[in-house]
Amino acid sequence: MFPLLDLGEKQYPELYDAFVISPDKAVEPLPSLETLRATWKQQLGTMQAKFEEISAEEWFGRHTVVSEEEFLKEPHRNKLNILLTRSTHLTYHWGQLMLLK
């Protein structure tokens, strides 16, 4: 999400194949649960620090995947909208995890 919001490079690219590209259970070995939890906490800290640097106006600016021309026609395609839709998607997965308990 960092490149999309123009906040830097993709974080933890080593996890991309296992958790984004490949189907479930297709990649072996997966990182341990402890490693994933530590990575999660580090990522949250990094995101918080980066988000605190963004002004309110910047949140309503375009993200890196939309062109200036498209953004003029569709100003809702902004950084804040990316954060909101990704957060909503995350809550969907949290719900899935709760069903596993």
N, C-alpha and C. Protein backbone atom coordinates (compact mmCIF):
# COMPACT_ATOMS: atom_id res chain seq x y z
N MET A 1 0.83 -1.19 0.00
CA MET A 1 0.00 0.00 0.00
C MET A 1 0.87 1.26 0.00
N PHE A 2 2.11 1.17 0.50
CA PHE A 2 2.96 2.35 0.53
C PHE A 2 3.20 2.95 -0.85
N PRO A 3 3.53 2.14 -1.87
CA PRO A 3 3.72 2.75 -3.20
C PRO A 3 2.43 3.39 -3.72
N LEU A 4 1.30 2.78 -3.46
CA LEU A 4 0.01 3.31 -3.92
C LEU A 4 -0.28 4.68 -3.32
N LEU A 5 0.11 4.86 -2.06
CA LEU A 5 -0.11 6.14 -1.38
C LEU A 5 1.08 7.08 -1.52
N ASP A 6 2.08 6.67 -2.29
CA ASP A 6 3.29 7.46 -2.51
C ASP A 6 4.04 7.72 -1.20
N LEU A 7 4.13 6.66 -0.38
CA LEU A 7 4.79 6.77 0.92
C LEU A 7 6.09 5.99 0.99
N GLY A 8 6.50 5.39 -0.10
CA GLY A 8 7.74 4.62 -0.10
C GLY A 8 7.58 3.29 -0.81
N GLU A 9 8.57 2.44 -0.60
CA GLU A 9 8.61 1.14 -1.25
C GLU A 9 7.65 0.15 -0.60
N LYS A 10 7.34 -0.90 -1.35
CA LYS A 10 6.50 -1.99 -0.83
C LYS A 10 7.21 -2.63 0.36
N GLN A 11 6.47 -2.87 1.41
CA GLN A 11 7.02 -3.48 2.62
C GLN A 11 6.88 -5.00 2.55
N TYR A 12 7.88 -5.70 3.01
CA TYR A 12 7.87 -7.17 3.10
C TYR A 12 7.52 -7.84 1.77
N PRO A 13 8.27 -7.54 0.72
CA PRO A 13 7.98 -8.16 -0.58
C PRO A 13 8.13 -9.68 -0.56
N GLU A 14 8.87 -10.19 0.39
CA GLU A 14 9.06 -11.64 0.48
C GLU A 14 7.76 -12.38 0.83
N LEU A 15 6.77 -11.66 1.35
CA LEU A 15 5.49 -12.27 1.71
C LEU A 15 4.47 -12.19 0.57
N TYR A 16 4.78 -11.42 -0.45
CA TYR A 16 3.82 -11.16 -1.52
C TYR A 16 3.40 -12.43 -2.25
N ASP A 17 4.35 -13.25 -2.62
CA ASP A 17 4.02 -14.46 -3.37
C ASP A 17 3.13 -15.40 -2.56
N ALA A 18 3.50 -15.62 -1.31
CA ALA A 18 2.77 -16.58 -0.48
C ALA A 18 1.35 -16.12 -0.15
N PHE A 19 1.16 -14.80 0.02
CA PHE A 19 -0.12 -14.32 0.53
C PHE A 19 -0.95 -13.50 -0.46
N VAL A 20 -0.38 -13.19 -1.63
CA VAL A 20 -1.13 -12.40 -2.61
C VAL A 20 -1.24 -13.14 -3.94
N ILE A 21 -0.13 -13.62 -4.45
CA ILE A 21 -0.10 -14.22 -5.78
C ILE A 21 -0.60 -15.66 -5.79
N SER A 22 -0.09 -16.47 -4.90
CA SER A 22 -0.35 -17.91 -4.93
C SER A 22 -1.67 -18.28 -4.27
N PRO A 23 -2.28 -19.37 -4.72
CA PRO A 23 -3.48 -19.86 -4.04
C PRO A 23 -3.14 -20.35 -2.63
N ASP A 24 -4.15 -20.48 -1.81
CA ASP A 24 -3.94 -20.96 -0.44
C ASP A 24 -3.21 -22.30 -0.44
N LYS A 25 -2.30 -22.43 0.51
CA LYS A 25 -1.55 -23.67 0.75
C LYS A 25 -0.68 -24.10 -0.42
N ALA A 26 -0.37 -23.18 -1.35
CA ALA A 26 0.46 -23.53 -2.50
C ALA A 26 1.93 -23.23 -2.27
N VAL A 27 2.26 -22.45 -1.26
CA VAL A 27 3.64 -22.06 -1.00
C VAL A 27 4.11 -22.71 0.29
N GLU A 28 5.24 -23.36 0.22
CA GLU A 28 5.86 -23.98 1.39
C GLU A 28 7.31 -23.56 1.43
N PRO A 29 7.89 -23.33 2.54
CA PRO A 29 7.24 -23.21 3.85
C PRO A 29 6.72 -21.79 4.05
N LEU A 30 5.68 -21.67 4.79
CA LEU A 30 5.15 -20.36 5.17
C LEU A 30 5.92 -19.86 6.39
N PRO A 31 5.99 -18.54 6.57
CA PRO A 31 6.62 -18.01 7.78
C PRO A 31 5.85 -18.48 9.02
N SER A 32 6.56 -18.56 10.12
CA SER A 32 5.91 -18.98 11.37
C SER A 32 4.90 -17.93 11.83
N LEU A 33 3.99 -18.35 12.68
CA LEU A 33 3.00 -17.44 13.23
C LEU A 33 3.68 -16.32 14.01
N GLU A 34 4.74 -16.65 14.75
CA GLU A 34 5.47 -15.64 15.52
C GLU A 34 6.09 -14.59 14.58
N THR A 35 6.65 -15.06 13.47
CA THR A 35 7.25 -14.14 12.50
C THR A 35 6.18 -13.24 11.90
N LEU A 36 5.04 -13.81 11.55
CA LEU A 36 3.96 -13.01 10.96
C LEU A 36 3.42 -11.99 11.95
N ARG A 37 3.28 -12.38 13.22
CA ARG A 37 2.81 -11.42 14.23
C ARG A 37 3.80 -10.28 14.41
N ALA A 38 5.10 -10.60 14.44
CA ALA A 38 6.12 -9.56 14.59
C ALA A 38 6.11 -8.63 13.38
N THR A 39 5.98 -9.21 12.20
CA THR A 39 5.91 -8.41 10.98
C THR A 39 4.69 -7.50 10.99
N TRP A 40 3.56 -8.04 11.43
CA TRP A 40 2.30 -7.29 11.53
C TRP A 40 2.49 -6.08 12.44
N LYS A 41 3.08 -6.30 13.62
CA LYS A 41 3.28 -5.20 14.57
C LYS A 41 4.23 -4.14 14.00
N GLN A 42 5.30 -4.59 13.34
CA GLN A 42 6.23 -3.64 12.74
C GLN A 42 5.53 -2.82 11.66
N GLN A 43 4.74 -3.50 10.85
CA GLN A 43 4.03 -2.82 9.77
C GLN A 43 3.05 -1.78 10.32
N LEU A 44 2.32 -2.14 11.36
CA LEU A 44 1.38 -1.18 11.96
C LEU A 44 2.11 0.05 12.49
N GLY A 45 3.26 -0.15 13.12
CA GLY A 45 4.04 0.98 13.62
C GLY A 45 4.54 1.87 12.49
N THR A 46 5.01 1.25 11.43
CA THR A 46 5.49 2.01 10.27
C THR A 46 4.34 2.78 9.63
N MET A 47 3.20 2.13 9.48
CA MET A 47 2.04 2.80 8.89
C MET A 47 1.60 3.99 9.73
N GLN A 48 1.55 3.81 11.04
CA GLN A 48 1.14 4.91 11.91
C GLN A 48 2.09 6.10 11.75
N ALA A 49 3.38 5.83 11.75
CA ALA A 49 4.35 6.91 11.60
C ALA A 49 4.19 7.62 10.26
N LYS A 50 4.01 6.87 9.19
CA LYS A 50 3.83 7.47 7.86
C LYS A 50 2.53 8.26 7.78
N PHE A 51 1.45 7.71 8.33
CA PHE A 51 0.15 8.38 8.26
C PHE A 51 0.15 9.69 9.05
N GLU A 52 0.90 9.73 10.13
CA GLU A 52 0.97 10.96 10.93
C GLU A 52 1.68 12.08 10.18
N GLU A 53 2.46 11.74 9.16
CA GLU A 53 3.17 12.74 8.35
C GLU A 53 2.27 13.35 7.28
N ILE A 54 1.16 12.72 6.98
CA ILE A 54 0.28 13.18 5.89
C ILE A 54 -0.70 14.22 6.42
N SER A 55 -0.77 15.34 5.72
CA SER A 55 -1.73 16.39 6.11
C SER A 55 -3.13 15.99 5.66
N ALA A 56 -4.12 16.67 6.21
CA ALA A 56 -5.52 16.41 5.83
C ALA A 56 -5.72 16.63 4.34
N GLU A 57 -5.12 17.66 3.80
CA GLU A 57 -5.24 17.94 2.36
C GLU A 57 -4.65 16.83 1.52
N GLU A 58 -3.52 16.29 1.96
CA GLU A 58 -2.87 15.23 1.19
C GLU A 58 -3.73 13.97 1.11
N TRP A 59 -4.51 13.69 2.13
CA TRP A 59 -5.38 12.51 2.10
C TRP A 59 -6.39 12.59 0.96
N PHE A 60 -6.75 13.81 0.57
CA PHE A 60 -7.72 13.99 -0.51
C PHE A 60 -7.05 14.14 -1.88
N GLY A 61 -5.74 13.96 -1.92
CA GLY A 61 -5.01 13.99 -3.18
C GLY A 61 -5.07 12.64 -3.87
N ARG A 62 -4.69 12.62 -5.12
CA ARG A 62 -4.77 11.37 -5.90
C ARG A 62 -3.70 10.38 -5.46
N HIS A 63 -4.02 9.11 -5.61
CA HIS A 63 -3.03 8.07 -5.34
C HIS A 63 -2.25 7.82 -6.62
N THR A 64 -1.25 6.96 -6.57
CA THR A 64 -0.30 6.83 -7.68
C THR A 64 -0.83 6.04 -8.88
N VAL A 65 -1.94 5.35 -8.75
CA VAL A 65 -2.45 4.54 -9.86
C VAL A 65 -3.42 5.31 -10.74
N VAL A 66 -3.91 6.42 -10.27
CA VAL A 66 -4.86 7.22 -11.05
C VAL A 66 -4.10 8.39 -11.69
N SER A 67 -4.39 8.64 -12.96
CA SER A 67 -3.74 9.75 -13.66
C SER A 67 -4.37 11.08 -13.23
N GLU A 68 -3.68 12.16 -13.53
CA GLU A 68 -4.22 13.48 -13.19
C GLU A 68 -5.54 13.73 -13.91
N GLU A 69 -5.63 13.29 -15.16
CA GLU A 69 -6.86 13.47 -15.94
C GLU A 69 -8.02 12.69 -15.33
N GLU A 70 -7.75 11.44 -14.95
CA GLU A 70 -8.79 10.62 -14.33
C GLU A 70 -9.22 11.20 -12.99
N PHE A 71 -8.25 11.71 -12.26
CA PHE A 71 -8.54 12.25 -10.93
C PHE A 71 -9.44 13.49 -11.02
N LEU A 72 -9.25 14.29 -12.05
CA LEU A 72 -10.12 15.46 -12.24
C LEU A 72 -11.57 15.03 -12.45
N LYS A 73 -11.76 13.91 -13.15
CA LYS A 73 -13.11 13.40 -13.40
C LYS A 73 -13.67 12.63 -12.20
N GLU A 74 -12.77 11.98 -11.46
CA GLU A 74 -13.18 11.12 -10.35
C GLU A 74 -12.37 11.43 -9.09
N PRO A 75 -12.65 12.57 -8.45
CA PRO A 75 -11.85 12.98 -7.29
C PRO A 75 -11.98 12.06 -6.08
N HIS A 76 -12.96 11.16 -6.12
CA HIS A 76 -13.08 10.21 -5.01
C HIS A 76 -11.96 9.16 -5.05
N ARG A 77 -11.21 9.11 -6.13
CA ARG A 77 -10.10 8.16 -6.23
C ARG A 77 -8.87 8.78 -5.56
N ASN A 78 -8.98 8.97 -4.26
CA ASN A 78 -7.93 9.63 -3.50
C ASN A 78 -7.31 8.68 -2.48
N LYS A 79 -6.31 9.17 -1.77
CA LYS A 79 -5.59 8.35 -0.80
C LYS A 79 -6.48 7.92 0.36
N LEU A 80 -7.35 8.80 0.80
CA LEU A 80 -8.24 8.45 1.91
C LEU A 80 -9.17 7.31 1.52
N ASN A 81 -9.67 7.34 0.30
CA ASN A 81 -10.55 6.28 -0.17
C ASN A 81 -9.82 4.94 -0.19
N ILE A 82 -8.56 4.95 -0.58
CA ILE A 82 -7.75 3.72 -0.56
C ILE A 82 -7.66 3.19 0.87
N LEU A 83 -7.36 4.06 1.81
CA LEU A 83 -7.25 3.63 3.21
C LEU A 83 -8.57 3.06 3.72
N LEU A 84 -9.67 3.72 3.40
CA LEU A 84 -10.98 3.25 3.87
C LEU A 84 -11.36 1.91 3.26
N THR A 85 -11.15 1.75 1.96
CA THR A 85 -11.52 0.48 1.33
C THR A 85 -10.63 -0.66 1.79
N ARG A 86 -9.35 -0.39 2.00
CA ARG A 86 -8.45 -1.44 2.49
C ARG A 86 -8.78 -1.80 3.93
N SER A 87 -9.16 -0.83 4.72
CA SER A 87 -9.55 -1.10 6.12
C SER A 87 -10.81 -1.94 6.17
N THR A 88 -11.77 -1.62 5.31
CA THR A 88 -13.00 -2.39 5.25
C THR A 88 -12.71 -3.83 4.82
N HIS A 89 -11.83 -3.99 3.86
CA HIS A 89 -11.45 -5.33 3.41
C HIS A 89 -10.79 -6.12 4.55
N LEU A 90 -9.97 -5.43 5.32
CA LEU A 90 -9.31 -6.08 6.45
C LEU A 90 -10.32 -6.57 7.48
N THR A 91 -11.36 -5.80 7.74
CA THR A 91 -12.36 -6.24 8.72
C THR A 91 -13.09 -7.49 8.23
N TYR A 92 -13.23 -7.63 6.94
CA TYR A 92 -13.81 -8.86 6.39
C TYR A 92 -12.97 -10.07 6.80
N HIS A 93 -11.66 -9.94 6.65
CA HIS A 93 -10.77 -11.05 7.02
C HIS A 93 -10.74 -11.27 8.53
N TRP A 94 -10.85 -10.22 9.31
CA TRP A 94 -10.93 -10.40 10.77
C TRP A 94 -12.16 -11.23 11.12
N GLY A 95 -13.25 -10.96 10.44
CA GLY A 95 -14.46 -11.74 10.67
C GLY A 95 -14.25 -13.21 10.33
N GLN A 96 -13.53 -13.47 9.25
CA GLN A 96 -13.22 -14.85 8.90
C GLN A 96 -12.40 -15.52 10.01
N LEU A 97 -11.43 -14.79 10.55
CA LEU A 97 -10.61 -15.35 11.62
C LEU A 97 -11.43 -15.64 12.87
N MET A 98 -12.40 -14.79 13.16
CA MET A 98 -13.24 -15.03 14.33
C MET A 98 -14.08 -16.30 14.17
N LEU A 99 -14.44 -16.61 12.94
CA LEU A 99 -15.19 -17.84 12.69
C LEU A 99 -14.35 -19.09 12.95
N LEU A 100 -13.03 -18.94 12.86
CA LEU A 100 -12.14 -20.08 13.09
C LEU A 100 -11.96 -20.39 14.57
N LYS A 101 -12.29 -19.46 15.43
CA LYS A 101 -12.09 -19.67 16.87
C LYS A 101 -13.00 -20.73 17.42
